[in-house]
N, C-alpha and C. Protein backbone atom coordinates (compact mmCIF):
# COMPACT_ATOMS: atom_id res chain seq x y z
N MET A 1 44.34 127.83 -4.65
CA MET A 1 43.10 127.32 -5.18
C MET A 1 43.34 126.38 -6.36
N GLN A 2 44.60 126.22 -6.74
CA GLN A 2 44.88 125.35 -7.88
C GLN A 2 44.63 123.90 -7.54
N GLY A 3 44.79 123.53 -6.27
CA GLY A 3 44.61 122.14 -5.88
C GLY A 3 43.16 121.76 -5.64
N VAL A 4 42.25 122.72 -5.72
CA VAL A 4 40.83 122.46 -5.46
C VAL A 4 40.12 122.20 -6.78
N ALA A 5 39.37 121.12 -6.80
CA ALA A 5 38.61 120.79 -8.01
C ALA A 5 37.50 121.82 -8.21
N PRO A 6 37.20 122.18 -9.45
CA PRO A 6 36.15 123.16 -9.72
C PRO A 6 34.79 122.78 -9.14
N ALA A 7 34.53 121.49 -9.01
CA ALA A 7 33.25 121.05 -8.46
C ALA A 7 33.13 121.41 -6.98
N CYS A 8 34.25 121.58 -6.30
CA CYS A 8 34.23 121.91 -4.87
C CYS A 8 33.88 123.36 -4.59
N PHE A 9 34.04 124.22 -5.58
CA PHE A 9 33.77 125.63 -5.36
C PHE A 9 32.32 125.88 -4.97
N TYR A 10 31.40 125.13 -5.57
CA TYR A 10 29.98 125.28 -5.23
C TYR A 10 29.76 124.92 -3.77
N LEU A 11 30.36 123.83 -3.31
CA LEU A 11 30.19 123.41 -1.92
C LEU A 11 30.82 124.42 -0.97
N LEU A 12 31.98 124.93 -1.32
CA LEU A 12 32.63 125.95 -0.49
C LEU A 12 31.79 127.21 -0.41
N GLU A 13 31.22 127.60 -1.54
CA GLU A 13 30.38 128.80 -1.57
C GLU A 13 29.16 128.62 -0.67
N GLU A 14 28.53 127.47 -0.73
CA GLU A 14 27.36 127.19 0.11
C GLU A 14 27.73 127.20 1.58
N ALA A 15 28.85 126.58 1.92
CA ALA A 15 29.28 126.51 3.32
C ALA A 15 29.57 127.91 3.87
N VAL A 16 30.28 128.71 3.10
CA VAL A 16 30.60 130.07 3.54
C VAL A 16 29.34 130.91 3.65
N THR A 17 28.44 130.78 2.70
CA THR A 17 27.19 131.54 2.73
C THR A 17 26.36 131.19 3.95
N GLN A 18 26.23 129.92 4.25
CA GLN A 18 25.46 129.50 5.41
C GLN A 18 26.12 129.96 6.70
N HIS A 19 27.43 129.88 6.76
CA HIS A 19 28.15 130.31 7.95
C HIS A 19 27.94 131.80 8.20
N LEU A 20 28.09 132.61 7.16
CA LEU A 20 27.89 134.05 7.30
C LEU A 20 26.45 134.39 7.66
N ALA A 21 25.50 133.66 7.10
CA ALA A 21 24.09 133.89 7.42
C ALA A 21 23.83 133.62 8.90
N GLN A 22 24.41 132.55 9.44
CA GLN A 22 24.23 132.24 10.86
C GLN A 22 24.88 133.31 11.74
N LEU A 23 26.04 133.81 11.33
CA LEU A 23 26.68 134.89 12.08
C LEU A 23 25.81 136.14 12.11
N LEU A 24 25.23 136.49 10.96
CA LEU A 24 24.37 137.67 10.90
C LEU A 24 23.12 137.49 11.74
N LYS A 25 22.54 136.29 11.74
CA LYS A 25 21.36 136.02 12.57
C LYS A 25 21.71 136.16 14.04
N GLY A 26 22.87 135.66 14.43
CA GLY A 26 23.31 135.78 15.82
C GLY A 26 23.53 137.23 16.22
N MET A 27 24.11 138.01 15.32
CA MET A 27 24.33 139.43 15.59
C MET A 27 23.00 140.16 15.74
N ALA A 28 22.04 139.84 14.89
CA ALA A 28 20.72 140.47 14.96
C ALA A 28 20.02 140.11 16.27
N LYS A 29 20.14 138.86 16.68
CA LYS A 29 19.52 138.42 17.93
C LYS A 29 20.14 139.16 19.11
N ALA A 30 21.46 139.27 19.12
CA ALA A 30 22.13 139.98 20.21
C ALA A 30 21.73 141.45 20.23
N ALA A 31 21.59 142.06 19.06
CA ALA A 31 21.19 143.47 18.99
C ALA A 31 19.77 143.66 19.52
N ARG A 32 18.88 142.73 19.19
CA ARG A 32 17.50 142.82 19.70
C ARG A 32 17.49 142.70 21.22
N GLN A 33 18.28 141.77 21.75
CA GLN A 33 18.33 141.58 23.20
C GLN A 33 18.94 142.80 23.88
N ARG A 34 19.94 143.38 23.27
CA ARG A 34 20.61 144.54 23.85
C ARG A 34 19.67 145.74 23.89
N ALA A 35 18.80 145.85 22.89
CA ALA A 35 17.88 146.98 22.80
C ALA A 35 16.63 146.79 23.65
N ASP A 36 16.40 145.60 24.17
CA ASP A 36 15.21 145.30 24.96
C ASP A 36 15.37 145.89 26.36
N PRO A 37 14.54 146.87 26.73
CA PRO A 37 14.70 147.50 28.05
C PRO A 37 14.36 146.56 29.20
N ALA A 38 13.63 145.50 28.94
CA ALA A 38 13.26 144.56 30.00
C ALA A 38 14.43 143.67 30.39
N ARG A 39 15.42 143.55 29.52
CA ARG A 39 16.58 142.71 29.81
C ARG A 39 17.69 143.55 30.42
N ASP A 40 18.29 143.02 31.44
CA ASP A 40 19.42 143.70 32.06
C ASP A 40 20.54 142.69 32.26
N VAL A 41 20.94 142.08 31.17
CA VAL A 41 21.99 141.09 31.21
C VAL A 41 23.33 141.81 31.16
N THR A 42 24.23 141.49 32.06
CA THR A 42 25.49 142.21 32.18
C THR A 42 26.27 142.26 30.87
N GLY A 43 26.38 141.15 30.18
CA GLY A 43 27.16 141.10 28.94
C GLY A 43 26.49 141.79 27.78
N MET A 44 25.21 142.15 27.93
CA MET A 44 24.48 142.74 26.82
C MET A 44 24.26 144.24 27.01
N ARG A 45 24.80 144.82 28.08
CA ARG A 45 24.59 146.24 28.33
C ARG A 45 25.29 147.08 27.28
N LYS A 46 24.66 148.20 26.99
CA LYS A 46 25.29 149.14 26.06
C LYS A 46 26.44 149.85 26.76
N TRP A 47 27.49 150.08 26.02
CA TRP A 47 28.63 150.81 26.56
C TRP A 47 28.50 152.25 26.12
N GLY A 48 28.85 153.15 26.97
CA GLY A 48 28.76 154.55 26.58
C GLY A 48 29.05 155.47 27.73
N VAL A 49 28.30 156.56 27.77
CA VAL A 49 28.55 157.62 28.74
C VAL A 49 28.41 157.11 30.17
N ASN A 50 27.41 156.28 30.44
CA ASN A 50 27.19 155.79 31.80
C ASN A 50 28.38 154.98 32.29
N VAL A 51 28.96 154.19 31.42
CA VAL A 51 30.12 153.39 31.81
C VAL A 51 31.30 154.30 32.08
N ARG A 52 31.51 155.27 31.22
CA ARG A 52 32.62 156.20 31.42
C ARG A 52 32.45 156.98 32.72
N ALA A 53 31.22 157.39 33.01
CA ALA A 53 30.96 158.12 34.26
C ALA A 53 31.24 157.23 35.47
N GLY A 54 30.87 155.96 35.37
CA GLY A 54 31.12 155.03 36.47
C GLY A 54 32.60 154.81 36.69
N ILE A 55 33.35 154.67 35.62
CA ILE A 55 34.79 154.47 35.73
C ILE A 55 35.43 155.72 36.33
N SER A 56 34.99 156.89 35.89
CA SER A 56 35.52 158.14 36.44
C SER A 56 35.25 158.24 37.93
N LYS A 57 34.08 157.78 38.35
CA LYS A 57 33.72 157.81 39.77
C LYS A 57 34.66 156.90 40.57
N TYR A 58 34.94 155.71 40.05
CA TYR A 58 35.85 154.80 40.75
C TYR A 58 37.25 155.39 40.86
N ILE A 59 37.71 156.02 39.80
CA ILE A 59 39.04 156.64 39.82
C ILE A 59 39.07 157.77 40.85
N LYS A 60 38.02 158.59 40.86
CA LYS A 60 37.94 159.69 41.81
C LYS A 60 37.91 159.17 43.25
N ASP A 61 37.12 158.12 43.49
CA ASP A 61 37.05 157.52 44.83
C ASP A 61 38.40 156.96 45.26
N ASP A 62 39.11 156.34 44.33
CA ASP A 62 40.44 155.80 44.65
C ASP A 62 41.41 156.92 45.03
N LYS A 63 41.35 158.03 44.29
CA LYS A 63 42.24 159.16 44.59
C LYS A 63 41.91 159.76 45.95
N GLN A 64 40.62 159.86 46.26
CA GLN A 64 40.22 160.41 47.56
C GLN A 64 40.63 159.47 48.69
N GLY A 65 40.56 158.17 48.44
CA GLY A 65 40.95 157.19 49.45
C GLY A 65 42.44 157.20 49.71
N ALA A 66 43.22 157.55 48.70
CA ALA A 66 44.67 157.58 48.84
C ALA A 66 45.13 158.81 49.61
N ASP A 67 44.31 159.86 49.61
CA ASP A 67 44.70 161.11 50.30
C ASP A 67 44.57 161.02 51.78
């Protein structure tokens, strides 16, 4: 930071603040979409028990198919 003029710190602070604000807005938008029951977008689905159960089913089916 020694090579940066003190006047640039204000501009850097503003740029970082705006960037982080946009990231937070994007995260909030994604969370709202993920929580909306009317939306069933593949990339926005919640991960959890249902996914684990589905994966377990595929593994079980593969084992039964191999027998």
